């Protein structure tokens, strides 16, 4: 049985009457299967069902909801190899990363199981005698999740697993580039809930931006929209959702940098930079885009990177020895070429790679650049790494922070003062700051997200669960008196 058959992927998949679209593999440009898309009315039916299911799902004790999420994690374990292969086939990341993405789904399911017994509120001391004051958290409602192509299943799981244990239902609009991954992942998890008698808790809406995407943003039935994508689209999401006073959780663009100090462990830094810049063909929001090299280490690191880039095996992502697969589409290839042309016009020097090598495959590019190159301000979702020399840490931090985005950042150093400076309030302005590891590859235990044009959202670990719930402050008067706060006297 093939992995497609194992996942139940047929020649035509999904439900909907708006038409069919083909899902194409970026590895060879060939169709994998076809997907039915939904109309606005069919989208409304999905949300109606999620709203109805919320009434019963929120009444299930959180630890019981956690037990069902545990079963989802186990179901994903059983399908890990097959779903990982589909991620690789449909998105284009190498097989190790495709399987790793499914492992991320499993990990967040495990995290959510524990979380289901830890949805804590706080107890506060009241200024009024005979009063008890505390806060608690309640389920929020149906949550809308709009995910991107580069992590076609993991980012949904970050949201869905937490939302489920919090008592919410979920409506998912996946990227139109990776609908088969969404169908497979949704079916695996929805089957678990249906075995327990819960239908509609997880909803899937595959359709155009007009029929589904814009409808979700304006839909008051969805109190929270979690959106992953570009900063430009994220601004639109925030405006539309904000206009109806809804909540938006935004995970937007990254323009991530690594600072390498003269005293850094050279081999460690080289490996961190290489994966950060080449992994997923530069199509992670945490991909390393800028590399600041202190003057004493710059020439040696540049030579080593050129040598390493020459050894990067680019090709079929399903093959075990491939290190870099294709970009997701022809449009992405064209955008990379356009960006490199602009870099050259602005005075940057492409010192290695950047060429198109057929289909959606490209050579990863190394560019020697000034820190104030205009193109450096933009996030190009492709394997382009800018190499920038600097003299002192203060200058490197200033240049590091001088971009609109603020997602992930790293410094490689063996100097305690340099490391602590980078992590301090006068250091990195990003939501994620690392020492002696790269910008890419966040663990699910920490809150994931960034500042500035990255949107300010937080998903996955830590206390990110609070985004999926509503806070309520409670005061109980057991005194028999009715004192007012702040000592106010009010009597007839």
Protein backbone atom coordinates (compact mmCIF):
# COMPACT_ATOMS: atom_id res chain seq x y z
CA UNK A 1 0.00 0.00 0.00
CA UNK A 2 1.38 3.42 -0.94
CA UNK A 3 1.50 6.27 1.57
CA UNK A 4 -1.28 8.02 -0.36
CA UNK A 5 -3.53 4.97 -0.08
CA UNK A 6 -2.62 4.59 3.59
CA UNK A 7 -3.77 8.18 4.20
CA UNK A 8 -6.95 7.71 2.17
CA UNK A 9 -5.88 10.14 -0.55
CA UNK A 10 -7.85 9.32 -3.71
CA UNK A 11 -7.78 10.80 -7.18
CA UNK A 12 -10.34 13.38 -6.05
CA UNK A 13 -10.58 14.45 -2.39
CA UNK A 14 -12.54 16.65 -0.04
CA UNK A 15 -16.07 17.96 -0.18
CA UNK A 16 -17.37 20.98 -2.03
CA UNK A 17 -19.13 22.07 -5.18
CA UNK A 18 -17.13 25.17 -6.19
CA UNK A 19 -14.90 23.17 -8.52
CA UNK A 20 -11.78 21.05 -8.45
CA UNK A 21 -8.12 22.05 -8.30
CA UNK A 22 -5.03 19.93 -8.83
CA UNK A 23 -2.36 19.73 -6.15
CA UNK A 24 1.02 19.81 -7.90
CA UNK A 25 4.27 18.49 -6.47
CA UNK A 26 7.01 21.15 -6.66
CA UNK A 27 9.53 18.32 -7.02
CA UNK A 28 8.43 17.44 -10.55
CA UNK A 29 5.48 19.69 -11.35
CA UNK A 30 3.16 16.71 -11.70
CA UNK A 31 -0.32 16.50 -10.12
CA UNK A 32 -0.61 14.36 -7.01
CA UNK A 33 -4.40 14.39 -6.80
CA UNK A 34 -7.36 16.72 -7.15
CA UNK A 35 -9.28 18.55 -4.43
CA UNK A 36 -12.87 19.77 -4.36
CA UNK A 37 -13.26 23.36 -3.16
CA UNK A 38 -16.11 24.87 -1.19
CA UNK A 39 -18.57 27.66 -1.83
CA UNK A 40 -19.43 30.38 0.66
CA UNK A 41 -22.58 28.50 1.63
CA UNK A 42 -20.57 25.33 2.25
CA UNK A 43 -18.09 27.30 4.35
CA UNK A 44 -21.00 28.68 6.39
CA UNK A 45 -22.19 25.14 7.01
CA UNK A 46 -18.77 24.16 8.38
CA UNK A 47 -18.80 27.09 10.81
CA UNK A 48 -22.40 26.42 11.81
CA UNK A 49 -21.43 22.86 12.67
CA UNK A 50 -18.38 24.05 14.65
CA UNK A 51 -20.58 26.51 16.54
CA UNK A 52 -23.09 23.81 17.38
CA UNK A 53 -20.35 21.39 18.43
CA UNK A 54 -18.83 24.04 20.72
CA UNK A 55 -21.90 23.92 22.95
CA UNK A 56 -21.23 20.28 23.87
CA UNK A 57 -17.43 20.19 23.51
CA UNK A 58 -16.87 22.97 26.07
CA UNK A 59 -18.81 20.95 28.65
CA UNK A 60 -16.38 18.03 28.47
CA UNK A 61 -13.91 18.24 31.39
CA UNK A 62 -10.55 19.52 30.18
CA UNK A 63 -8.64 16.35 31.22
CA UNK A 64 -11.14 14.29 29.22
CA UNK A 65 -10.55 16.52 26.23
CA UNK A 66 -6.85 15.94 26.82
CA UNK A 67 -7.35 12.18 26.67
CA UNK A 68 -8.86 12.52 23.20
CA UNK A 69 -5.91 14.69 22.14
CA UNK A 70 -3.64 11.92 23.45
CA UNK A 71 -5.40 9.52 21.10
CA UNK A 72 -4.83 11.96 18.23
CA UNK A 73 -1.11 11.97 19.01
CA UNK A 74 -1.09 8.17 18.92
CA UNK A 75 -3.00 8.14 15.62
CA UNK A 76 -0.40 10.53 14.20
CA UNK A 77 2.37 8.22 15.42
CA UNK A 78 0.82 5.40 13.43
CA UNK A 79 0.71 7.55 10.29
CA UNK A 80 3.96 9.44 10.86
CA UNK A 81 5.90 7.99 7.93
CA UNK A 82 3.00 8.26 5.50
CA UNK A 83 2.00 11.80 6.46
CA UNK A 84 5.63 12.91 6.49
CA UNK A 85 6.04 11.57 2.95
CA UNK A 86 2.94 13.49 1.83
CA UNK A 87 4.31 16.71 3.37
CA UNK A 88 7.52 16.19 1.39
CA UNK A 89 5.70 15.37 -1.83
CA UNK A 90 3.23 18.24 -1.71
CA UNK A 91 5.35 20.98 -0.09
CA UNK A 92 8.87 20.03 -1.23
CA UNK A 93 10.86 19.94 2.01
CA UNK A 94 13.22 16.99 2.35
CA UNK A 95 11.88 13.76 3.80
CA UNK A 96 13.69 14.14 7.14
CA UNK A 97 11.97 17.50 7.58
CA UNK A 98 8.60 16.17 6.42
CA UNK A 99 8.71 13.41 9.02
CA UNK A 100 10.06 15.90 11.56
CA UNK A 101 7.03 18.11 10.98
CA UNK A 102 4.68 15.27 11.87
CA UNK A 103 6.78 14.64 14.97
CA UNK A 104 6.13 18.26 15.87
CA UNK A 105 2.40 17.53 15.69
CA UNK A 106 2.91 14.58 18.02
CA UNK A 107 4.98 16.67 20.41
CA UNK A 108 2.37 19.42 20.67
CA UNK A 109 -0.31 16.80 21.26
CA UNK A 110 1.74 15.45 24.17
CA UNK A 111 2.21 18.98 25.48
CA UNK A 112 -1.51 19.67 25.23
CA UNK A 113 -2.38 16.49 27.17
CA UNK A 114 -0.40 17.78 30.16
CA UNK A 115 -1.79 21.25 29.68
CA UNK A 116 -5.34 19.92 29.98
CA UNK A 117 -4.74 19.59 33.74
CA UNK A 118 -2.97 22.95 34.09
CA UNK A 119 -5.36 25.63 32.84
CA UNK A 120 -4.71 27.60 35.97
CA UNK A 121 -6.25 30.84 37.19
CA UNK A 122 -4.95 33.09 39.97
CA UNK A 123 -6.23 33.88 43.44
CA UNK A 124 -5.89 37.47 44.63
CA UNK A 125 -6.40 39.11 48.05
CA UNK A 126 -9.40 41.40 48.20
CA UNK A 127 -9.21 44.75 49.97
CA UNK A 128 -12.71 44.06 51.35
CA UNK A 129 -13.13 41.86 54.40
CA UNK A 130 -15.07 38.66 53.85
CA UNK A 131 -14.50 38.66 50.10
CA UNK A 132 -12.67 36.16 47.91
CA UNK A 133 -11.31 37.25 44.53
CA UNK A 134 -9.88 35.05 41.81
CA UNK A 135 -9.73 34.66 38.04
CA UNK A 136 -10.54 31.71 35.83
CA UNK A 137 -10.38 30.87 32.14
CA UNK A 138 -13.27 29.71 29.94
CA UNK A 139 -13.44 28.29 26.41
CA UNK A 140 -13.48 31.04 23.81
CA UNK A 141 -15.50 29.53 20.95
CA UNK A 142 -14.85 28.28 17.43
CA UNK A 143 -11.31 29.29 16.41
CA UNK A 144 -10.37 30.03 12.80
CA UNK A 145 -6.91 28.85 11.69
CA UNK A 146 -5.40 30.02 8.40
CA UNK A 147 -2.10 28.25 7.77
CA UNK A 148 0.74 28.65 5.28
CA UNK A 149 2.30 26.18 2.84
CA UNK A 150 5.72 25.88 4.47
CA UNK A 151 4.47 24.01 7.55
CA UNK A 152 1.28 22.53 6.13
CA UNK A 153 0.33 20.45 9.19
CA UNK A 154 2.46 21.45 12.20
CA UNK A 155 1.24 25.03 12.58
CA UNK A 156 -2.38 23.87 12.47
CA UNK A 157 -1.54 21.37 15.21
CA UNK A 158 0.06 24.10 17.34
CA UNK A 159 -3.26 25.90 17.29
CA UNK A 160 -5.69 22.99 17.18
CA UNK A 161 -4.26 20.84 19.98
CA UNK A 162 -4.20 23.77 22.40
CA UNK A 163 -7.60 25.02 21.30
CA UNK A 164 -9.12 21.56 21.76
CA UNK A 165 -7.95 21.11 25.35
CA UNK A 166 -9.09 24.68 26.07
CA UNK A 167 -12.61 23.65 25.00
CA UNK A 168 -12.72 25.35 21.60
CA UNK A 169 -13.71 23.96 18.24
CA UNK A 170 -11.51 24.69 15.19
CA UNK A 171 -12.17 25.67 11.58
CA UNK A 172 -9.09 25.31 9.34
CA UNK A 173 -8.37 27.00 6.03
CA UNK A 174 -5.10 25.49 4.74
CA UNK A 175 -2.83 26.93 2.07
CA UNK A 176 -4.12 26.25 -1.45
CA UNK A 177 -0.64 24.91 -2.23
CA UNK A 178 -0.93 22.06 0.31
CA UNK A 179 -4.58 20.96 0.58
CA UNK A 180 -3.87 17.22 0.56
CA UNK A 181 -1.74 17.50 3.69
CA UNK A 182 -4.63 19.27 5.39
CA UNK A 183 -7.17 16.68 4.32
CA UNK A 184 -4.98 13.82 5.57
CA UNK A 185 -4.15 15.47 8.92
CA UNK A 186 -7.75 16.56 9.48
CA UNK A 187 -9.09 13.07 8.80
CA UNK A 188 -6.62 11.41 11.16
CA UNK A 189 -7.61 13.68 14.05
CA UNK A 190 -11.31 14.07 13.29
CA UNK A 191 -11.78 10.29 13.25
CA UNK A 192 -10.61 10.14 16.86
CA UNK A 193 -13.25 12.67 17.92
CA UNK A 194 -15.98 10.98 15.92
CA UNK A 195 -15.26 7.67 17.66
CA UNK A 196 -16.15 9.49 20.87
CA UNK A 197 -19.33 10.93 19.38
CA UNK A 198 -18.06 14.43 18.60
CA UNK A 199 -18.78 15.55 15.05
CA UNK A 200 -17.84 18.97 13.73
CA UNK A 201 -15.37 19.84 16.51
CA UNK A 202 -12.69 20.00 13.79
CA UNK A 203 -13.80 21.66 10.57
CA UNK A 204 -11.96 21.96 7.26
CA UNK A 205 -12.73 24.72 4.75
CA UNK A 206 -10.84 24.52 1.45
CA UNK A 207 -11.70 27.26 -0.98
CA UNK A 208 -10.77 30.58 -2.52
CA UNK A 209 -9.83 33.65 -0.53
CA UNK A 210 -13.12 35.21 -1.57
CA UNK A 211 -15.35 32.29 -0.60
CA UNK A 212 -13.49 31.15 2.50
CA UNK A 213 -10.57 33.38 3.49
CA UNK A 214 -12.32 36.75 3.56
CA UNK A 215 -15.42 35.14 4.98
CA UNK A 216 -13.42 33.82 7.94
CA UNK A 217 -11.87 37.20 8.68
CA UNK A 218 -15.26 38.93 8.80
CA UNK A 219 -17.10 36.09 10.57
CA UNK A 220 -18.23 37.14 14.04
CA UNK A 221 -18.89 33.47 14.85
CA UNK A 222 -15.09 33.04 15.03
CA UNK A 223 -13.87 35.10 18.02
CA UNK A 224 -10.22 34.33 17.20
CA UNK A 225 -8.42 34.12 13.86
CA UNK A 226 -4.93 32.62 13.95
CA UNK A 227 -3.11 33.58 10.76
CA UNK A 228 0.32 32.51 9.53
CA UNK A 229 1.70 34.25 6.46
CA UNK A 230 3.28 37.42 5.15
CA UNK A 231 3.34 40.71 7.03
CA UNK A 232 1.45 42.40 4.19
CA UNK A 233 -1.47 39.98 4.38
CA UNK A 234 -1.25 39.99 8.17
CA UNK A 235 -2.00 43.71 8.24
CA UNK A 236 -5.15 43.07 6.24
CA UNK A 237 -6.14 40.26 8.62
CA UNK A 238 -5.64 42.51 11.64
CA UNK A 239 -7.72 45.30 10.10
CA UNK A 240 -10.67 43.13 9.12
CA UNK A 241 -10.75 41.10 12.34
CA UNK A 242 -10.14 44.21 14.44
CA UNK A 243 -13.01 46.06 12.76
CA UNK A 244 -15.43 43.51 14.25
CA UNK A 245 -13.53 43.60 17.58
CA UNK A 246 -12.36 40.03 17.12
CA UNK A 247 -8.99 38.71 18.22
CA UNK A 248 -6.18 37.94 15.82
CA UNK A 249 -3.12 35.81 16.53
CA UNK A 250 -0.54 36.77 13.91
CA UNK A 251 2.61 34.83 12.97
CA UNK A 252 4.05 36.86 10.13
CA UNK A 253 7.33 37.43 8.30
CA UNK A 254 10.80 36.89 9.67
CA UNK A 255 14.07 38.51 8.58
CA UNK A 256 16.25 36.54 10.92
CA UNK A 257 19.92 37.11 11.62
CA UNK A 258 22.86 35.38 13.24
CA UNK A 259 25.74 37.31 14.78
CA UNK A 260 29.04 35.40 14.84
CA UNK A 261 31.68 36.81 17.17
CA UNK A 262 35.43 36.28 16.76
CA UNK A 263 35.51 33.97 19.79
CA UNK A 264 32.70 31.68 18.57
CA UNK A 265 33.02 27.93 18.23
CA UNK A 266 33.66 27.97 14.49
CA UNK A 267 32.32 24.54 13.56
CA UNK A 268 29.22 25.03 15.70
CA UNK A 269 28.50 28.37 14.06
CA UNK A 270 29.06 26.99 10.56
CA UNK A 271 26.56 24.17 11.10
CA UNK A 272 23.99 26.51 12.63
CA UNK A 273 24.24 28.96 9.77
CA UNK A 274 24.09 26.23 7.12
CA UNK A 275 20.87 24.64 8.36
CA UNK A 276 19.30 28.00 9.11
CA UNK A 277 19.91 29.32 5.62
CA UNK A 278 19.48 26.19 3.46
CA UNK A 279 16.97 24.11 5.46
CA UNK A 280 13.53 23.93 3.79
CA UNK A 281 15.15 25.80 0.86
CA UNK A 282 14.98 29.01 2.89
CA UNK A 283 11.20 28.78 3.18
CA UNK A 284 10.86 28.84 6.94
CA UNK A 285 9.71 31.96 8.73
CA UNK A 286 12.75 31.34 10.96
CA UNK A 287 15.22 30.84 8.08
CA UNK A 288 18.47 32.75 8.46
CA UNK A 289 18.48 35.68 6.03
CA UNK A 290 21.32 37.83 7.41
CA UNK A 291 24.72 36.80 8.77
CA UNK A 292 26.78 39.35 10.71
CA UNK A 293 30.44 38.31 10.85
CA UNK A 294 32.90 40.03 13.17
CA UNK A 295 35.90 41.24 11.22
CA UNK A 296 38.36 38.67 12.58
CA UNK A 297 36.24 35.66 11.63
CA UNK A 298 34.55 36.98 8.48
CA UNK A 299 36.95 35.81 5.77
CA UNK A 300 37.38 32.33 7.22
CA UNK A 301 33.61 31.85 7.69
CA UNK A 302 32.86 33.13 4.19
CA UNK A 303 35.31 30.65 2.65
CA UNK A 304 33.88 27.82 4.74
CA UNK A 305 30.32 28.68 3.74
CA UNK A 306 31.19 28.74 0.04
CA UNK A 307 32.80 25.31 0.42
CA UNK A 308 29.78 23.99 2.35
CA UNK A 309 27.28 25.40 -0.15
CA UNK A 310 29.13 23.62 -2.95
CA UNK A 311 28.40 20.33 -1.15
CA UNK A 312 24.67 20.94 -0.64
CA UNK A 313 22.88 18.21 -2.57
CA UNK A 314 19.84 19.75 -4.25
CA UNK A 315 17.25 17.50 -5.84
CA UNK A 316 14.33 15.15 -5.28
CA UNK A 317 13.29 15.73 -1.65
CA UNK A 318 12.13 12.11 -1.31
CA UNK A 319 15.70 10.82 -1.71
CA UNK A 320 17.51 10.29 1.60
CA UNK A 321 20.76 12.02 0.58
CA UNK A 322 19.08 15.26 -0.60
CA UNK A 323 19.75 18.26 1.62
CA UNK A 324 17.68 20.88 -0.21
CA UNK A 325 14.51 20.33 -2.19
CA UNK A 326 12.70 22.70 -4.54
CA UNK A 327 11.03 26.01 -3.92
CA UNK A 328 7.29 25.59 -3.64
CA UNK A 329 6.37 27.12 -7.01
CA UNK A 330 7.57 28.71 -10.23
CA UNK A 331 6.50 32.06 -8.80
CA UNK A 332 8.87 31.58 -5.86
CA UNK A 333 11.74 30.86 -8.24
CA UNK A 334 10.95 34.00 -10.22
CA UNK A 335 10.78 36.07 -7.03
CA UNK A 336 14.22 34.82 -5.96
CA UNK A 337 15.74 35.73 -9.33
CA UNK A 338 14.11 39.15 -9.19
CA UNK A 339 15.45 39.72 -5.68
CA UNK A 340 19.00 38.81 -6.72
CA UNK A 341 18.78 41.19 -9.67
CA UNK A 342 17.75 43.96 -7.29
CA UNK A 343 20.58 43.07 -4.92
CA UNK A 344 23.12 43.43 -7.73
CA UNK A 345 21.62 46.76 -8.76
CA UNK A 346 21.97 48.00 -5.17
CA UNK A 347 25.64 47.03 -4.97
CA UNK A 348 25.47 43.57 -3.43
CA UNK A 349 27.78 40.84 -4.74
CA UNK A 350 26.55 37.30 -5.28
CA UNK A 351 29.62 35.26 -4.36
CA UNK A 352 28.01 31.84 -4.76
CA UNK A 353 24.92 30.27 -6.28
CA UNK A 354 21.56 31.82 -6.99
CA UNK A 355 21.05 30.15 -10.35
CA UNK A 356 17.94 28.31 -11.41
CA UNK A 357 18.79 24.67 -12.12
CA UNK A 358 15.53 23.46 -13.63
CA UNK A 359 11.92 23.24 -12.54
CA UNK A 360 11.53 24.76 -9.09
CA UNK A 361 15.11 23.94 -8.11
CA UNK A 362 17.68 26.67 -7.40
CA UNK A 363 21.18 26.99 -6.05
CA UNK A 364 21.28 28.55 -2.57
CA UNK A 365 22.86 32.00 -2.79
CA UNK A 366 25.52 33.75 -0.72
CA UNK A 367 25.60 37.54 -1.07
CA UNK A 368 28.25 39.90 0.27
CA UNK A 369 26.39 43.06 1.23
CA UNK A 370 26.36 46.28 3.21
CA UNK A 371 24.09 46.45 6.22
CA UNK A 372 22.04 49.25 4.63
CA UNK A 373 21.25 47.46 1.37
CA UNK A 374 17.54 48.23 0.72
CA UNK A 375 16.75 44.60 -0.18
CA UNK A 376 17.89 43.51 3.27
CA UNK A 377 14.76 45.12 4.68
CA UNK A 378 12.58 42.61 2.83
CA UNK A 379 11.88 38.97 3.55
CA UNK A 380 12.43 36.91 0.41
CA UNK A 381 11.15 33.36 0.96
CA UNK A 382 14.13 31.70 -0.72
CA UNK A 383 17.67 30.55 0.17
CA UNK A 384 19.45 33.93 0.00
CA UNK A 385 21.94 34.69 2.77
CA UNK A 386 23.47 38.16 3.17
CA UNK A 387 26.99 38.29 4.64
CA UNK A 388 27.76 41.52 6.49
CA UNK A 389 31.03 42.45 8.25
CA UNK A 390 31.04 44.34 11.55
CA UNK A 391 33.63 45.51 14.09
CA UNK A 392 31.91 45.54 17.51
CA UNK A 393 28.86 43.96 19.12
CA UNK A 394 27.01 47.24 19.69
CA UNK A 395 27.15 47.98 15.96
CA UNK A 396 26.04 44.44 15.09
CA UNK A 397 23.02 44.68 17.40
CA UNK A 398 22.06 48.07 15.95
CA UNK A 399 22.19 46.68 12.40
CA UNK A 400 20.49 43.46 13.51
CA UNK A 401 17.49 45.38 14.87
CA UNK A 402 17.26 47.79 11.93
CA UNK A 403 14.69 45.77 9.97
CA UNK A 404 10.89 45.82 10.28
CA UNK A 405 10.59 42.15 11.28
CA UNK A 406 11.41 40.66 14.69
CA UNK A 407 10.97 36.89 14.80
CA UNK A 408 14.11 34.84 15.49
CA UNK A 409 17.72 35.74 16.21
CA UNK A 410 20.98 34.14 17.34
CA UNK A 411 24.47 34.91 18.49
CA UNK A 412 27.44 32.55 18.43
CA UNK A 413 29.98 33.46 21.11
CA UNK A 414 31.87 31.97 24.02
CA UNK A 415 31.89 35.33 25.82
CA UNK A 416 29.38 35.55 28.67
CA UNK A 417 29.11 39.33 28.48
CA UNK A 418 28.39 39.24 24.73
CA UNK A 419 25.75 36.53 25.20
CA UNK A 420 24.00 38.33 28.04
CA UNK A 421 24.13 41.65 26.18
CA UNK A 422 22.42 40.04 23.19
CA UNK A 423 19.68 38.63 25.44
CA UNK A 424 19.19 41.83 27.43
CA UNK A 425 16.72 44.66 26.83
CA UNK A 426 19.36 46.44 24.76
CA UNK A 427 20.08 43.37 22.64
CA UNK A 428 17.92 41.46 20.16
CA UNK A 429 14.44 42.92 19.65
CA UNK A 430 13.04 39.58 18.43
CA UNK A 431 10.52 37.28 20.04
CA UNK A 432 13.10 34.48 19.94
CA UNK A 433 16.77 35.03 20.84
CA UNK A 434 19.28 32.16 20.99
CA UNK A 435 22.88 31.68 22.01
CA UNK A 436 25.05 29.14 20.18
CA UNK A 437 22.17 27.64 18.20
CA UNK A 438 20.69 28.85 14.93
CA UNK A 439 17.53 30.81 14.23
CA UNK A 440 15.60 27.81 12.93
CA UNK A 441 14.17 24.81 14.73
CA UNK A 442 12.11 26.01 17.70
CA UNK A 443 10.93 23.50 20.32
CA UNK A 444 7.23 23.25 21.09
CA UNK A 445 7.74 23.95 24.82
CA UNK A 446 8.53 27.61 24.29
CA UNK A 447 6.12 30.27 23.08
CA UNK A 448 6.74 30.82 19.37
CA UNK A 449 6.32 34.23 17.75
CA UNK A 450 7.85 37.62 17.17
CA UNK A 451 7.55 41.37 17.48
CA UNK A 452 7.18 44.38 15.16
CA UNK A 453 6.05 43.34 11.67
CA UNK A 454 6.08 39.71 12.77
CA UNK A 455 2.75 40.47 14.43
CA UNK A 456 3.25 39.92 18.16
CA UNK A 457 1.49 36.55 18.27
CA UNK A 458 2.56 33.55 20.34
CA UNK A 459 1.73 29.90 19.62
CA UNK A 460 2.71 26.46 20.89
CA UNK A 461 4.23 26.28 24.37
CA UNK A 462 4.54 28.26 27.60
CA UNK A 463 1.29 30.13 28.35
CA UNK A 464 0.21 30.46 24.70
CA UNK A 465 -2.98 28.60 25.66
CA UNK A 466 -4.36 31.87 27.05
CA UNK A 467 -4.93 33.15 23.50
CA UNK A 468 -7.58 30.44 23.03
CA UNK A 469 -9.57 31.23 26.18
CA UNK A 470 -11.43 34.14 27.77
CA UNK A 471 -10.41 35.45 31.16
CA UNK A 472 -12.97 36.08 33.90
CA UNK A 473 -12.41 37.82 37.24
CA UNK A 474 -14.68 36.60 40.06
CA UNK A 475 -15.41 38.13 43.46
CA UNK A 476 -17.47 36.30 46.10
CA UNK A 477 -18.85 38.20 49.07
CA UNK A 478 -19.41 35.95 52.09
CA UNK A 479 -19.28 38.71 54.70
CA UNK A 480 -22.95 39.63 55.06
CA UNK A 481 -21.96 43.26 54.50
CA UNK A 482 -21.71 45.27 51.27
CA UNK A 483 -18.50 47.33 51.44
CA UNK A 484 -17.50 49.10 48.23
CA UNK A 485 -14.01 49.09 46.77
CA UNK A 486 -11.75 52.10 47.33
CA UNK A 487 -13.65 52.81 50.54
CA UNK A 488 -16.53 54.52 48.73
CA UNK A 489 -19.55 55.26 50.92
CA UNK A 490 -22.93 55.08 49.21
CA UNK A 491 -26.06 54.98 51.34
CA UNK A 492 -29.59 56.31 51.14
